[in-house]
Amino acid sequence: MTDLPDEDTIRRARTSGAEPDTEPVDGSTVVARRESRRRATRDSAGGSAPRPAPPVPASTGRVAAAPDAASGAVYGARPAGPVVVRRATPPQRTPQVPIDGVAATNGHRRRERRTALIIIGAASVVAVAAAASLLVLVFSL
């Protein structure tokens, strides 16, 4: 491995600080450079005081206005008719039985202990069967 830079690095180093030989003819870079040149010539020729913005012409559209309520051009609120709703009795709910938290916790513990004992018993049976088969295999040789 050599520590020499590759050709792309050398090319980038040569062109990084210099302006390109050809000036682009379109795009935002051209617009930005053109505006920078105009600003520089304006600042050097005139003063550095900014010029006021040109006046904004009045809009030729309609002027927004609320209609006159007294002339009757605005519709008033309509009177609502009576609403007749037939109500039914709500469905009966079954009463909920109160829950004893301590009893529920004890029942959960009991089930967990029973499951653990079943697992330990099954593992013991498998271990005894494996030991017995090993003894049979050893004594049969």
Protein backbone atom coordinates (compact mmCIF):
# COMPACT_ATOMS: atom_id res chain seq x y z
CA MET A 1 0.00 0.00 0.00
CA THR A 2 1.29 3.42 -0.90
CA ASP A 3 0.40 6.68 0.78
CA LEU A 4 0.17 8.52 -2.52
CA PRO A 5 -3.15 10.26 -3.27
CA ASP A 6 -5.26 8.88 -6.09
CA GLU A 7 -5.99 10.77 -9.31
CA ASP A 8 -9.42 12.03 -8.17
CA THR A 9 -7.92 13.61 -5.07
CA ILE A 10 -5.27 15.40 -7.13
CA ARG A 11 -7.89 16.63 -9.60
CA ARG A 12 -10.09 17.94 -6.75
CA ALA A 13 -7.12 19.67 -5.14
CA ARG A 14 -6.26 21.44 -8.41
CA THR A 15 -9.78 22.74 -9.02
CA SER A 16 -10.98 23.37 -5.46
CA GLY A 17 -9.82 26.99 -5.13
CA ALA A 18 -10.01 28.12 -8.74
CA GLU A 19 -13.01 29.31 -10.73
CA PRO A 20 -13.98 27.04 -13.59
CA ASP A 21 -12.88 28.13 -17.05
CA THR A 22 -16.36 28.04 -18.54
CA GLU A 23 -19.15 30.15 -17.03
CA PRO A 24 -22.47 28.32 -16.71
CA VAL A 25 -25.29 29.79 -18.77
CA ASP A 26 -28.32 28.82 -16.72
CA GLY A 27 -29.31 27.74 -13.21
CA SER A 28 -29.38 29.24 -9.76
CA THR A 29 -25.60 29.74 -9.68
CA VAL A 30 -25.80 32.11 -12.65
CA VAL A 31 -28.63 34.07 -11.05
CA ALA A 32 -26.79 34.34 -7.75
CA ARG A 33 -23.59 35.55 -9.43
CA ARG A 34 -25.49 38.04 -11.58
CA GLU A 35 -27.27 39.47 -8.53
CA SER A 36 -23.98 39.64 -6.63
CA ARG A 37 -22.38 41.59 -9.51
CA ARG A 38 -25.35 43.98 -9.71
CA ARG A 39 -25.26 44.57 -5.98
CA ALA A 40 -21.53 45.19 -6.06
CA THR A 41 -21.80 47.72 -8.91
CA ARG A 42 -24.77 49.46 -7.28
CA ASP A 43 -22.97 49.72 -3.93
CA SER A 44 -19.77 51.01 -5.52
CA ALA A 45 -21.50 53.51 -7.87
CA GLY A 46 -24.17 54.94 -5.58
CA GLY A 47 -24.11 55.07 -1.83
CA SER A 48 -24.50 52.17 0.46
CA ALA A 49 -27.94 53.43 1.51
CA PRO A 50 -30.67 50.99 0.53
CA ARG A 51 -33.32 52.16 -1.89
CA PRO A 52 -36.93 52.17 -0.72
CA ALA A 53 -39.18 49.46 -2.03
CA PRO A 54 -41.45 50.40 -4.93
CA PRO A 55 -45.04 51.17 -3.94
CA VAL A 56 -47.49 48.28 -4.17
CA PRO A 57 -50.39 49.03 -6.54
CA ALA A 58 -53.91 48.73 -5.17
CA SER A 59 -55.67 45.49 -5.88
CA THR A 60 -58.26 45.56 -8.65
CA GLY A 61 -60.41 42.89 -6.96
CA ARG A 62 -63.52 43.34 -4.85
CA VAL A 63 -63.38 44.72 -1.35
CA ALA A 64 -64.64 42.28 1.24
CA ALA A 65 -67.69 43.53 3.12
CA ALA A 66 -70.40 41.91 5.22
CA PRO A 67 -73.94 42.19 3.82
CA ASP A 68 -76.35 44.48 5.58
CA ALA A 69 -78.48 42.44 7.99
CA ALA A 70 -81.28 45.04 8.07
CA SER A 71 -81.96 44.83 4.33
CA GLY A 72 -82.91 41.17 4.57
CA ALA A 73 -80.07 39.94 2.35
CA VAL A 74 -78.88 37.68 5.13
CA TYR A 75 -80.87 34.59 5.96
CA GLY A 76 -81.76 34.30 9.61
CA ALA A 77 -81.72 31.13 11.62
CA ARG A 78 -84.69 28.86 10.95
CA PRO A 79 -86.79 27.88 13.92
CA ALA A 80 -86.31 24.22 14.73
CA GLY A 81 -89.34 21.99 14.93
CA PRO A 82 -89.99 19.86 17.98
CA VAL A 83 -88.02 16.65 18.13
CA VAL A 84 -89.89 13.57 19.25
CA VAL A 85 -87.71 10.77 20.55
CA ARG A 86 -89.08 7.54 21.90
CA ARG A 87 -86.93 6.39 24.74
CA ALA A 88 -86.57 2.76 25.69
CA THR A 89 -85.47 1.47 29.02
CA PRO A 90 -81.78 0.63 29.09
CA PRO A 91 -80.93 -3.08 29.06
CA GLN A 92 -80.50 -4.68 32.44
CA ARG A 93 -76.94 -5.42 33.38
CA THR A 94 -75.97 -8.43 35.40
CA PRO A 95 -74.48 -7.52 38.74
CA GLN A 96 -70.76 -8.04 39.02
CA VAL A 97 -69.40 -10.22 41.77
CA PRO A 98 -66.83 -8.47 43.94
CA ILE A 99 -63.33 -9.90 43.56
CA ASP A 100 -61.17 -10.83 46.51
CA GLY A 101 -57.64 -9.80 45.53
CA VAL A 102 -55.90 -11.92 48.15
CA ALA A 103 -57.81 -15.06 47.14
CA ALA A 104 -57.04 -14.43 43.46
CA THR A 105 -53.33 -14.03 44.25
CA ASN A 106 -53.32 -17.22 46.34
CA GLY A 107 -55.04 -19.17 43.56
CA HIS A 108 -52.50 -17.93 41.04
CA ARG A 109 -49.63 -18.97 43.34
CA ARG A 110 -51.18 -22.40 43.84
CA ARG A 111 -51.44 -22.98 40.08
CA GLU A 112 -47.83 -21.84 39.57
CA ARG A 113 -46.59 -24.23 42.29
CA ARG A 114 -48.55 -27.12 40.80
CA THR A 115 -47.08 -26.42 37.35
CA ALA A 116 -43.55 -26.25 38.78
CA LEU A 117 -44.03 -29.57 40.59
CA ILE A 118 -45.28 -31.26 37.41
CA ILE A 119 -42.24 -29.99 35.47
CA ILE A 120 -39.80 -31.10 38.18
CA GLY A 121 -41.47 -34.53 38.39
CA ALA A 122 -41.31 -35.04 34.62
CA ALA A 123 -37.64 -33.99 34.56
CA SER A 124 -36.89 -36.44 37.41
CA VAL A 125 -38.57 -39.31 35.54
CA VAL A 126 -36.52 -38.51 32.42
CA ALA A 127 -33.31 -38.34 34.47
CA VAL A 128 -34.00 -41.71 36.17
CA ALA A 129 -34.79 -43.33 32.80
CA ALA A 130 -31.56 -41.95 31.30
CA ALA A 131 -29.51 -43.20 34.27
CA ALA A 132 -31.12 -46.63 34.05
CA SER A 133 -30.45 -46.90 30.34
CA LEU A 134 -26.81 -45.93 30.91
CA LEU A 135 -26.46 -48.61 33.59
CA VAL A 136 -27.99 -51.22 31.30
CA LEU A 137 -25.66 -50.14 28.49
CA VAL A 138 -22.56 -50.26 30.73
CA PHE A 139 -23.35 -53.67 32.26
CA SER A 140 -24.23 -55.22 28.90
CA LEU A 141 -20.76 -54.61 27.48
